[in-house]
PDB file of all heavy atoms in Angstrom:
ATOM      1  N   ALA A   1     -48.521  59.810  58.664  1.00  0.00           N
ATOM      2  CA  ALA A   1     -48.326  61.067  59.385  1.00  0.00           C
ATOM      3  C   ALA A   1     -46.879  61.275  59.798  1.00  0.00           C
ATOM      4  O   ALA A   1     -46.508  62.368  60.233  1.00  0.00           O
ATOM      5  CB  ALA A   1     -49.215  61.098  60.635  1.00  0.00           C
ATOM      6  N   ASN A   2     -46.088  60.214  59.684  1.00  0.00           N
ATOM      7  CA  ASN A   2     -44.690  60.334  60.095  1.00  0.00           C
ATOM      8  C   ASN A   2     -43.869  59.160  59.589  1.00  0.00           C
ATOM      9  O   ASN A   2     -44.404  58.137  59.163  1.00  0.00           O
ATOM     10  CB  ASN A   2     -44.581  60.392  61.624  1.00  0.00           C
ATOM     11  CG  ASN A   2     -45.087  59.117  62.282  1.00  0.00           C
ATOM     12  OD1 ASN A   2     -46.263  58.985  62.583  1.00  0.00           O
ATOM     13  ND2 ASN A   2     -44.193  58.148  62.476  1.00  0.00           N
ATOM     14  N   PHE A   3     -42.584  59.345  59.629  1.00  0.00           N
ATOM     15  CA  PHE A   3     -41.615  58.257  59.488  1.00  0.00           C
ATOM     16  C   PHE A   3     -40.998  58.091  60.867  1.00  0.00           C
ATOM     17  O   PHE A   3     -40.426  59.036  61.418  1.00  0.00           O
ATOM     18  CB  PHE A   3     -40.548  58.630  58.452  1.00  0.00           C
ATOM     19  CG  PHE A   3     -39.376  57.676  58.390  1.00  0.00           C
ATOM     20  CD1 PHE A   3     -39.333  56.678  57.444  1.00  0.00           C
ATOM     21  CD2 PHE A   3     -38.317  57.791  59.285  1.00  0.00           C
ATOM     22  CE1 PHE A   3     -38.259  55.808  57.378  1.00  0.00           C
ATOM     23  CE2 PHE A   3     -37.240  56.923  59.227  1.00  0.00           C
ATOM     24  CZ  PHE A   3     -37.211  55.935  58.274  1.00  0.00           C
ATOM     25  N   LEU A   4     -41.140  56.912  61.477  1.00  0.00           N
ATOM     26  CA  LEU A   4     -40.577  56.677  62.809  1.00  0.00           C
ATOM     27  C   LEU A   4     -39.943  55.298  62.866  1.00  0.00           C
ATOM     28  O   LEU A   4     -40.629  54.276  62.846  1.00  0.00           O
ATOM     29  CB  LEU A   4     -41.642  56.807  63.896  1.00  0.00           C
ATOM     30  CG  LEU A   4     -41.185  56.498  65.332  1.00  0.00           C
ATOM     31  CD1 LEU A   4     -39.998  57.390  65.711  1.00  0.00           C
ATOM     32  CD2 LEU A   4     -42.319  56.713  66.312  1.00  0.00           C
ATOM     33  N   ASP A   5     -38.614  55.292  62.919  1.00  0.00           N
ATOM     34  CA  ASP A   5     -37.848  54.053  63.014  1.00  0.00           C
ATOM     35  C   ASP A   5     -37.318  53.933  64.440  1.00  0.00           C
ATOM     36  O   ASP A   5     -36.497  54.749  64.872  1.00  0.00           O
ATOM     37  CB  ASP A   5     -36.694  54.084  62.002  1.00  0.00           C
ATOM     38  CG  ASP A   5     -35.734  52.916  62.147  1.00  0.00           C
ATOM     39  OD1 ASP A   5     -36.123  51.928  62.795  1.00  0.00           O
ATOM     40  OD2 ASP A   5     -34.616  53.000  61.616  1.00  0.00           O
ATOM     41  N   VAL A   6     -37.811  52.929  65.187  1.00  0.00           N
ATOM     42  CA  VAL A   6     -37.374  52.760  66.580  1.00  0.00           C
ATOM     43  C   VAL A   6     -36.050  52.010  66.667  1.00  0.00           C
ATOM     44  O   VAL A   6     -35.481  51.883  67.753  1.00  0.00           O
ATOM     45  CB  VAL A   6     -38.439  52.032  67.429  1.00  0.00           C
ATOM     46  CG1 VAL A   6     -39.709  52.843  67.497  1.00  0.00           C
ATOM     47  CG2 VAL A   6     -38.718  50.637  66.860  1.00  0.00           C
ATOM     48  N   GLY A   7     -35.536  51.520  65.534  1.00  0.00           N
ATOM     49  CA  GLY A   7     -34.226  50.891  65.509  1.00  0.00           C
ATOM     50  C   GLY A   7     -34.223  49.457  66.006  1.00  0.00           C
ATOM     51  O   GLY A   7     -35.243  48.906  66.425  1.00  0.00           O
ATOM     52  N   GLY A   8     -33.043  48.883  65.993  1.00  0.00           N
ATOM     53  CA  GLY A   8     -32.905  47.483  66.365  1.00  0.00           C
ATOM     54  C   GLY A   8     -32.690  47.247  67.840  1.00  0.00           C
ATOM     55  O   GLY A   8     -32.578  46.100  68.279  1.00  0.00           O
ATOM     56  N   THR A   9     -32.607  48.307  68.640  1.00  0.00           N
ATOM     57  CA  THR A   9     -32.396  48.155  70.088  1.00  0.00           C
ATOM     58  C   THR A   9     -33.571  48.717  70.872  1.00  0.00           C
ATOM     59  O   THR A   9     -33.408  49.216  71.979  1.00  0.00           O
ATOM     60  CB  THR A   9     -31.097  48.864  70.511  1.00  0.00           C
ATOM     61  OG1 THR A   9     -31.169  50.257  70.144  1.00  0.00           O
ATOM     62  CG2 THR A   9     -29.889  48.241  69.831  1.00  0.00           C
ATOM     63  N   ALA A  10     -34.749  48.650  70.288  1.00  0.00           N
ATOM     64  CA  ALA A  10     -35.936  49.222  70.936  1.00  0.00           C
ATOM     65  C   ALA A  10     -36.235  48.518  72.252  1.00  0.00           C
ATOM     66  O   ALA A  10     -36.105  47.309  72.374  1.00  0.00           O
ATOM     67  CB  ALA A  10     -37.136  49.119  70.002  1.00  0.00           C
ATOM     68  N   ASN A  11     -36.665  49.298  73.239  1.00  0.00           N
ATOM     69  CA  ASN A  11     -37.104  48.749  74.523  1.00  0.00           C
ATOM     70  C   ASN A  11     -38.371  49.466  74.940  1.00  0.00           C
ATOM     71  O   ASN A  11     -38.914  50.291  74.187  1.00  0.00           O
ATOM     72  CB  ASN A  11     -36.005  48.890  75.583  1.00  0.00           C
ATOM     73  CG  ASN A  11     -35.491  50.323  75.696  1.00  0.00           C
ATOM     74  OD1 ASN A  11     -36.259  51.278  75.578  1.00  0.00           O
ATOM     75  ND2 ASN A  11     -34.201  50.469  75.935  1.00  0.00           N
ATOM     76  N   ALA A  12     -38.859  49.179  76.136  1.00  0.00           N
ATOM     77  CA  ALA A  12     -40.117  49.770  76.588  1.00  0.00           C
ATOM     78  C   ALA A  12     -40.048  51.290  76.609  1.00  0.00           C
ATOM     79  O   ALA A  12     -41.020  51.980  76.272  1.00  0.00           O
ATOM     80  CB  ALA A  12     -40.463  49.230  77.977  1.00  0.00           C
ATOM     81  N   GLN A  13     -38.884  51.827  76.989  1.00  0.00           N
ATOM     82  CA  GLN A  13     -38.750  53.285  77.098  1.00  0.00           C
ATOM     83  C   GLN A  13     -38.808  53.960  75.727  1.00  0.00           C
ATOM     84  O   GLN A  13     -39.482  54.983  75.548  1.00  0.00           O
ATOM     85  CB  GLN A  13     -37.424  53.647  77.799  1.00  0.00           C
ATOM     86  CG  GLN A  13     -37.385  53.360  79.297  1.00  0.00           C
ATOM     87  CD  GLN A  13     -37.338  51.877  79.610  1.00  0.00           C
ATOM     88  OE1 GLN A  13     -36.689  51.102  78.886  1.00  0.00           O
ATOM     89  NE2 GLN A  13     -38.032  51.460  80.664  1.00  0.00           N
ATOM     90  N   THR A  14     -38.088  53.389  74.735  1.00  0.00           N
ATOM     91  CA  THR A  14     -38.089  54.008  73.411  1.00  0.00           C
ATOM     92  C   THR A  14     -39.454  53.871  72.738  1.00  0.00           C
ATOM     93  O   THR A  14     -39.890  54.776  72.024  1.00  0.00           O
ATOM     94  CB  THR A  14     -37.008  53.373  72.510  1.00  0.00           C
ATOM     95  OG1 THR A  14     -37.204  51.955  72.461  1.00  0.00           O
ATOM     96  CG2 THR A  14     -35.618  53.672  73.033  1.00  0.00           C
ATOM     97  N   VAL A  15     -40.130  52.751  72.960  1.00  0.00           N
ATOM     98  CA  VAL A  15     -41.462  52.563  72.386  1.00  0.00           C
ATOM     99  C   VAL A  15     -42.434  53.576  72.995  1.00  0.00           C
ATOM    100  O   VAL A  15     -43.247  54.185  72.286  1.00  0.00           O
ATOM    101  CB  VAL A  15     -41.967  51.126  72.609  1.00  0.00           C
ATOM    102  CG1 VAL A  15     -43.434  50.997  72.205  1.00  0.00           C
ATOM    103  CG2 VAL A  15     -41.123  50.140  71.813  1.00  0.00           C
ATOM    104  N   GLU A  16     -42.356  53.766  74.316  1.00  0.00           N
ATOM    105  CA  GLU A  16     -43.230  54.751  74.961  1.00  0.00           C
ATOM    106  C   GLU A  16     -42.931  56.151  74.439  1.00  0.00           C
ATOM    107  O   GLU A  16     -43.850  56.939  74.183  1.00  0.00           O
ATOM    108  CB  GLU A  16     -43.043  54.718  76.482  1.00  0.00           C
ATOM    109  CG  GLU A  16     -43.957  55.712  77.200  1.00  0.00           C
ATOM    110  CD  GLU A  16     -43.809  55.684  78.706  1.00  0.00           C
ATOM    111  OE1 GLU A  16     -43.250  54.693  79.233  1.00  0.00           O
ATOM    112  OE2 GLU A  16     -44.244  56.651  79.361  1.00  0.00           O
ATOM    113  N   ALA A  17     -41.640  56.459  74.273  1.00  0.00           N
ATOM    114  CA  ALA A  17     -41.263  57.771  73.731  1.00  0.00           C
ATOM    115  C   ALA A  17     -41.829  57.950  72.326  1.00  0.00           C
ATOM    116  O   ALA A  17     -42.335  59.026  71.973  1.00  0.00           O
ATOM    117  CB  ALA A  17     -39.741  57.907  73.710  1.00  0.00           C
ATOM    118  N   GLY A  18     -41.768  56.882  71.516  1.00  0.00           N
ATOM    119  CA  GLY A  18     -42.334  56.945  70.176  1.00  0.00           C
ATOM    120  C   GLY A  18     -43.824  57.189  70.205  1.00  0.00           C
ATOM    121  O   GLY A  18     -44.351  57.991  69.409  1.00  0.00           O
ATOM    122  N   PHE A  19     -44.516  56.524  71.123  1.00  0.00           N
ATOM    123  CA  PHE A  19     -45.951  56.729  71.285  1.00  0.00           C
ATOM    124  C   PHE A  19     -46.261  58.195  71.605  1.00  0.00           C
ATOM    125  O   PHE A  19     -47.155  58.806  71.020  1.00  0.00           O
ATOM    126  CB  PHE A  19     -46.484  55.844  72.419  1.00  0.00           C
ATOM    127  CG  PHE A  19     -47.376  54.741  71.938  1.00  0.00           C
ATOM    128  CD1 PHE A  19     -46.984  53.417  72.073  1.00  0.00           C
ATOM    129  CD2 PHE A  19     -48.592  55.008  71.345  1.00  0.00           C
ATOM    130  CE1 PHE A  19     -47.799  52.389  71.638  1.00  0.00           C
ATOM    131  CE2 PHE A  19     -49.413  53.987  70.906  1.00  0.00           C
ATOM    132  CZ  PHE A  19     -49.019  52.673  71.052  1.00  0.00           C
ATOM    133  N   ARG A  20     -45.526  58.735  72.560  1.00  0.00           N
ATOM    134  CA  ARG A  20     -45.772  60.117  72.990  1.00  0.00           C
ATOM    135  C   ARG A  20     -45.562  61.103  71.842  1.00  0.00           C
ATOM    136  O   ARG A  20     -46.319  62.056  71.675  1.00  0.00           O
ATOM    137  CB  ARG A  20     -44.857  60.475  74.161  1.00  0.00           C
ATOM    138  CG  ARG A  20     -45.189  59.744  75.461  1.00  0.00           C
ATOM    139  CD  ARG A  20     -44.313  60.220  76.606  1.00  0.00           C
ATOM    140  NE  ARG A  20     -44.615  59.490  77.831  1.00  0.00           N
ATOM    141  CZ  ARG A  20     -45.614  59.800  78.660  1.00  0.00           C
ATOM    142  NH1 ARG A  20     -46.395  60.839  78.391  1.00  0.00           N
ATOM    143  NH2 ARG A  20     -45.827  59.098  79.751  1.00  0.00           N
ATOM    144  N   ILE A  21     -44.539  60.851  71.063  1.00  0.00           N
ATOM    145  CA  ILE A  21     -44.233  61.738  69.937  1.00  0.00           C
ATOM    146  C   ILE A  21     -45.334  61.674  68.880  1.00  0.00           C
ATOM    147  O   ILE A  21     -45.789  62.699  68.365  1.00  0.00           O
ATOM    148  CB  ILE A  21     -42.862  61.371  69.338  1.00  0.00           C
ATOM    149  CG1 ILE A  21     -41.749  61.769  70.321  1.00  0.00           C
ATOM    150  CG2 ILE A  21     -42.651  62.054  67.989  1.00  0.00           C
ATOM    151  CD1 ILE A  21     -40.397  61.190  69.980  1.00  0.00           C
ATOM    152  N   ILE A  22     -45.788  60.460  68.560  1.00  0.00           N
ATOM    153  CA  ILE A  22     -46.863  60.309  67.575  1.00  0.00           C
ATOM    154  C   ILE A  22     -48.144  60.974  68.065  1.00  0.00           C
ATOM    155  O   ILE A  22     -48.848  61.647  67.303  1.00  0.00           O
ATOM    156  CB  ILE A  22     -47.113  58.812  67.280  1.00  0.00           C
ATOM    157  CG1 ILE A  22     -45.923  58.206  66.536  1.00  0.00           C
ATOM    158  CG2 ILE A  22     -48.385  58.628  66.446  1.00  0.00           C
ATOM    159  CD1 ILE A  22     -46.014  56.706  66.334  1.00  0.00           C
ATOM    160  N   MET A  23     -48.446  60.804  69.354  1.00  0.00           N
ATOM    161  CA  MET A  23     -49.692  61.337  69.915  1.00  0.00           C
ATOM    162  C   MET A  23     -49.724  62.863  69.948  1.00  0.00           C
ATOM    163  O   MET A  23     -50.780  63.472  70.073  1.00  0.00           O
ATOM    164  CB  MET A  23     -49.887  60.798  71.335  1.00  0.00           C
ATOM    165  CG  MET A  23     -50.071  59.291  71.411  1.00  0.00           C
ATOM    166  SD  MET A  23     -51.695  58.743  70.856  1.00  0.00           S
ATOM    167  CE  MET A  23     -52.707  59.303  72.205  1.00  0.00           C
ATOM    168  N   LYS A  24     -48.552  63.501  69.846  1.00  0.00           N
ATOM    169  CA  LYS A  24     -48.514  64.961  69.859  1.00  0.00           C
ATOM    170  C   LYS A  24     -49.051  65.564  68.569  1.00  0.00           C
ATOM    171  O   LYS A  24     -49.359  66.755  68.519  1.00  0.00           O
ATOM    172  CB  LYS A  24     -47.078  65.447  70.106  1.00  0.00           C
ATOM    173  CG  LYS A  24     -46.603  65.259  71.539  1.00  0.00           C
ATOM    174  CD  LYS A  24     -45.203  65.809  71.732  1.00  0.00           C
ATOM    175  CE  LYS A  24     -44.761  65.643  73.185  1.00  0.00           C
ATOM    176  NZ  LYS A  24     -43.387  66.174  73.393  1.00  0.00           N
ATOM    177  N   ASP A  25     -49.143  64.762  67.537  1.00  0.00           N
ATOM    178  CA  ASP A  25     -49.652  65.241  66.251  1.00  0.00           C
ATOM    179  C   ASP A  25     -51.174  65.159  66.262  1.00  0.00           C
ATOM    180  O   ASP A  25     -51.745  64.067  66.269  1.00  0.00           O
ATOM    181  CB  ASP A  25     -49.084  64.386  65.122  1.00  0.00           C
ATOM    182  CG  ASP A  25     -49.450  64.915  63.736  1.00  0.00           C
ATOM    183  OD1 ASP A  25     -50.318  65.809  63.656  1.00  0.00           O
ATOM    184  OD2 ASP A  25     -48.872  64.434  62.747  1.00  0.00           O
ATOM    185  N   PRO A  26     -51.868  66.291  66.248  1.00  0.00           N
ATOM    186  CA  PRO A  26     -53.336  66.274  66.310  1.00  0.00           C
ATOM    187  C   PRO A  26     -53.999  65.674  65.083  1.00  0.00           C
ATOM    188  O   PRO A  26     -55.188  65.332  65.122  1.00  0.00           O
ATOM    189  CB  PRO A  26     -53.689  67.758  66.455  1.00  0.00           C
ATOM    190  CG  PRO A  26     -52.531  68.495  65.857  1.00  0.00           C
ATOM    191  CD  PRO A  26     -51.327  67.660  66.166  1.00  0.00           C
ATOM    192  N   ASN A  27     -53.238  65.520  63.992  1.00  0.00           N
ATOM    193  CA  ASN A  27     -53.809  64.977  62.760  1.00  0.00           C
ATOM    194  C   ASN A  27     -53.890  63.452  62.764  1.00  0.00           C
ATOM    195  O   ASN A  27     -54.551  62.862  61.907  1.00  0.00           O
ATOM    196  CB  ASN A  27     -52.981  65.429  61.552  1.00  0.00           C
ATOM    197  CG  ASN A  27     -53.024  66.932  61.349  1.00  0.00           C
ATOM    198  OD1 ASN A  27     -54.054  67.557  61.570  1.00  0.00           O
ATOM    199  ND2 ASN A  27     -51.910  67.511  60.944  1.00  0.00           N
ATOM    200  N   VAL A  28     -53.210  62.808  63.706  1.00  0.00           N
ATOM    201  CA  VAL A  28     -53.167  61.349  63.737  1.00  0.00           C
ATOM    202  C   VAL A  28     -54.521  60.775  64.163  1.00  0.00           C
ATOM    203  O   VAL A  28     -55.034  61.100  65.236  1.00  0.00           O
ATOM    204  CB  VAL A  28     -52.055  60.848  64.687  1.00  0.00           C
ATOM    205  CG1 VAL A  28     -52.153  59.340  64.885  1.00  0.00           C
ATOM    206  CG2 VAL A  28     -50.688  61.217  64.138  1.00  0.00           C
ATOM    207  N   LYS A  29     -55.099  59.917  63.323  1.00  0.00           N
ATOM    208  CA  LYS A  29     -56.394  59.289  63.593  1.00  0.00           C
ATOM    209  C   LYS A  29     -56.268  57.798  63.900  1.00  0.00           C
ATOM    210  O   LYS A  29     -57.226  57.172  64.353  1.00  0.00           O
ATOM    211  CB  LYS A  29     -57.327  59.481  62.389  1.00  0.00           C
ATOM    212  CG  LYS A  29     -57.510  60.933  61.962  1.00  0.00           C
ATOM    213  CD  LYS A  29     -58.071  61.794  63.097  1.00  0.00           C
ATOM    214  CE  LYS A  29     -58.253  63.241  62.642  1.00  0.00           C
ATOM    215  NZ  LYS A  29     -58.670  64.115  63.766  1.00  0.00           N
ATOM    216  N   ALA A  30     -55.104  57.215  63.626  1.00  0.00           N
ATOM    217  CA  ALA A  30     -54.851  55.807  63.920  1.00  0.00           C
ATOM    218  C   ALA A  30     -53.347  55.598  63.976  1.00  0.00           C
ATOM    219  O   ALA A  30     -52.576  56.375  63.391  1.00  0.00           O
ATOM    220  CB  ALA A  30     -55.479  54.906  62.864  1.00  0.00           C
ATOM    221  N   ILE A  31     -52.930  54.544  64.694  1.00  0.00           N
ATOM    222  CA  ILE A  31     -51.507  54.246  64.826  1.00  0.00           C
ATOM    223  C   ILE A  31     -51.257  52.813  64.380  1.00  0.00           C
ATOM    224  O   ILE A  31     -51.954  51.887  64.806  1.00  0.00           O
ATOM    225  CB  ILE A  31     -51.025  54.428  66.276  1.00  0.00           C
ATOM    226  CG1 ILE A  31     -51.189  55.892  66.722  1.00  0.00           C
ATOM    227  CG2 ILE A  31     -49.559  54.004  66.421  1.00  0.00           C
ATOM    228  CD1 ILE A  31     -50.843  56.123  68.182  1.00  0.00           C
ATOM    229  N   LEU A  32     -50.272  52.650  63.507  1.00  0.00           N
ATOM    230  CA  LEU A  32     -49.877  51.314  63.040  1.00  0.00           C
ATOM    231  C   LEU A  32     -48.483  51.001  63.576  1.00  0.00           C
ATOM    232  O   LEU A  32     -47.529  51.734  63.315  1.00  0.00           O
ATOM    233  CB  LEU A  32     -49.869  51.250  61.515  1.00  0.00           C
ATOM    234  CG  LEU A  32     -49.268  49.984  60.894  1.00  0.00           C
ATOM    235  CD1 LEU A  32     -50.008  48.736  61.367  1.00  0.00           C
ATOM    236  CD2 LEU A  32     -49.285  50.066  59.373  1.00  0.00           C
ATOM    237  N   ILE A  33     -48.387  49.918  64.345  1.00  0.00           N
ATOM    238  CA  ILE A  33     -47.096  49.441  64.845  1.00  0.00           C
ATOM    239  C   ILE A  33     -46.723  48.203  64.044  1.00  0.00           C
ATOM    240  O   ILE A  33     -47.433  47.195  64.073  1.00  0.00           O
ATOM    241  CB  ILE A  33     -47.174  49.110  66.345  1.00  0.00           C
ATOM    242  CG1 ILE A  33     -47.600  50.346  67.144  1.00  0.00           C
ATOM    243  CG2 ILE A  33     -45.839  48.579  66.850  1.00  0.00           C
ATOM    244  CD1 ILE A  33     -47.893  50.059  68.602  1.00  0.00           C
ATOM    245  N   ASN A  34     -45.631  48.281  63.333  1.00  0.00           N
ATOM    246  CA  ASN A  34     -45.205  47.187  62.463  1.00  0.00           C
ATOM    247  C   ASN A  34     -43.781  46.787  62.828  1.00  0.00           C
ATOM    248  O   ASN A  34     -42.821  47.491  62.500  1.00  0.00           O
ATOM    249  CB  ASN A  34     -45.285  47.614  60.993  1.00  0.00           C
ATOM    250  CG  ASN A  34     -44.979  46.460  60.055  1.00  0.00           C
ATOM    251  OD1 ASN A  34     -45.061  45.294  60.433  1.00  0.00           O
ATOM    252  ND2 ASN A  34     -44.609  46.789  58.827  1.00  0.00           N
ATOM    253  N   ILE A  35     -43.644  45.691  63.539  1.00  0.00           N
ATOM    254  CA  ILE A  35     -42.337  45.243  64.015  1.00  0.00           C
ATOM    255  C   ILE A  35     -42.012  43.867  63.456  1.00  0.00           C
ATOM    256  O   ILE A  35     -42.795  42.928  63.597  1.00  0.00           O
ATOM    257  CB  ILE A  35     -42.290  45.179  65.561  1.00  0.00           C
ATOM    258  CG1 ILE A  35     -42.633  46.552  66.163  1.00  0.00           C
ATOM    259  CG2 ILE A  35     -40.924  44.702  66.037  1.00  0.00           C
ATOM    260  CD1 ILE A  35     -41.654  47.659  65.851  1.00  0.00           C
ATOM    261  N   PHE A  36     -40.859  43.776  62.813  1.00  0.00           N
ATOM    262  CA  PHE A  36     -40.361  42.471  62.393  1.00  0.00           C
ATOM    263  C   PHE A  36     -39.221  42.102  63.332  1.00  0.00           C
ATOM    264  O   PHE A  36     -38.159  42.727  63.315  1.00  0.00           O
ATOM    265  CB  PHE A  36     -39.876  42.497  60.943  1.00  0.00           C
ATOM    266  CG  PHE A  36     -39.413  41.151  60.464  1.00  0.00           C
ATOM    267  CD1 PHE A  36     -40.345  40.196  60.068  1.00  0.00           C
ATOM    268  CD2 PHE A  36     -38.067  40.816  60.435  1.00  0.00           C
ATOM    269  CE1 PHE A  36     -39.945  38.945  59.640  1.00  0.00           C
ATOM    270  CE2 PHE A  36     -37.657  39.563  60.015  1.00  0.00           C
ATOM    271  CZ  PHE A  36     -38.594  38.626  59.611  1.00  0.00           C
ATOM    272  N   GLY A  37     -39.442  41.117  64.174  1.00  0.00           N
ATOM    273  CA  GLY A  37     -38.493  40.775  65.228  1.00  0.00           C
ATOM    274  C   GLY A  37     -37.321  39.971  64.754  1.00  0.00           C
ATOM    275  O   GLY A  37     -37.227  38.771  65.051  1.00  0.00           O
ATOM    276  N   GLY A  38     -36.421  40.593  64.030  1.00  0.00           N
ATOM    277  CA  GLY A  38     -35.188  39.933  63.657  1.00  0.00           C
ATOM    278  C   GLY A  38     -34.090  40.315  64.632  1.00  0.00           C
ATOM    279  O   GLY A  38     -33.401  39.469  65.197  1.00  0.00           O
ATOM    280  N   ILE A  39     -33.967  41.606  64.859  1.00  0.00           N
ATOM    281  CA  ILE A  39     -32.979  42.111  65.808  1.00  0.00           C
ATOM    282  C   ILE A  39     -33.656  42.389  67.151  1.00  0.00           C
ATOM    283  O   ILE A  39     -33.219  41.911  68.189  1.00  0.00           O
ATOM    284  CB  ILE A  39     -32.321  43.400  65.272  1.00  0.00           C
ATOM    285  CG1 ILE A  39     -31.652  43.132  63.922  1.00  0.00           C
ATOM    286  CG2 ILE A  39     -31.317  43.939  66.273  1.00  0.00           C
ATOM    287  CD1 ILE A  39     -31.112  44.364  63.248  1.00  0.00           C
ATOM    288  N   VAL A  40     -34.743  43.158  67.099  1.00  0.00           N
ATOM    289  CA  VAL A  40     -35.465  43.483  68.326  1.00  0.00           C
ATOM    290  C   VAL A  40     -36.524  42.407  68.605  1.00  0.00           C
ATOM    291  O   VAL A  40     -37.152  41.891  67.684  1.00  0.00           O
ATOM    292  CB  VAL A  40     -36.127  44.875  68.214  1.00  0.00           C
ATOM    293  CG1 VAL A  40     -37.155  44.894  67.107  1.00  0.00           C
ATOM    294  CG2 VAL A  40     -36.759  45.289  69.526  1.00  0.00           C
ATOM    295  N   ARG A  41     -36.685  42.032  69.871  1.00  0.00           N
ATOM    296  CA  ARG A  41     -37.658  41.012  70.241  1.00  0.00           C
ATOM    297  C   ARG A  41     -39.065  41.602  70.273  1.00  0.00           C
ATOM    298  O   ARG A  41     -39.289  42.692  70.785  1.00  0.00           O
ATOM    299  CB  ARG A  41     -37.324  40.442  71.624  1.00  0.00           C
ATOM    300  CG  ARG A  41     -36.044  39.656  71.630  1.00  0.00           C
ATOM    301  CD  ARG A  41     -35.765  38.970  72.967  1.00  0.00           C
ATOM    302  NE  ARG A  41     -36.646  39.318  74.047  1.00  0.00           N
ATOM    303  CZ  ARG A  41     -36.218  39.752  75.240  1.00  0.00           C
ATOM    304  NH1 ARG A  41     -34.932  39.942  75.459  1.00  0.00           N
ATOM    305  NH2 ARG A  41     -37.075  40.005  76.200  1.00  0.00           N
ATOM    306  N   CYS A  42     -40.029  40.857  69.724  1.00  0.00           N
ATOM    307  CA  CYS A  42     -41.411  41.333  69.660  1.00  0.00           C
ATOM    308  C   CYS A  42     -42.020  41.519  71.049  1.00  0.00           C
ATOM    309  O   CYS A  42     -42.799  42.449  71.268  1.00  0.00           O
ATOM    310  CB  CYS A  42     -42.265  40.356  68.848  1.00  0.00           C
ATOM    311  SG  CYS A  42     -41.866  40.325  67.096  1.00  0.00           S
ATOM    312  N   ASP A  43     -41.664  40.638  71.997  1.00  0.00           N
ATOM    313  CA  ASP A  43     -42.242  40.774  73.331  1.00  0.00           C
ATOM    314  C   ASP A  43     -41.771  42.046  74.026  1.00  0.00           C
ATOM    315  O   ASP A  43     -42.482  42.630  74.833  1.00  0.00           O
ATOM    316  CB  ASP A  43     -41.933  39.545  74.187  1.00  0.00           C
ATOM    317  CG  ASP A  43     -40.437  39.306  74.338  1.00  0.00           C
ATOM    318  OD1 ASP A  43     -39.690  39.569  73.377  1.00  0.00           O
ATOM    319  OD2 ASP A  43     -40.014  38.855  75.419  1.00  0.00           O
TER     320      ASP A  43
END
């Protein structure tokens, strides 16, 4: 439903903003979060 790159400096605020943006799309039926913690920490 989208291309969304949170970048290598993602934090709680940017992740929440990403969530809000995805949720605005009424067509979204599921959300996949795929993070490879090389630059950004998974926690």
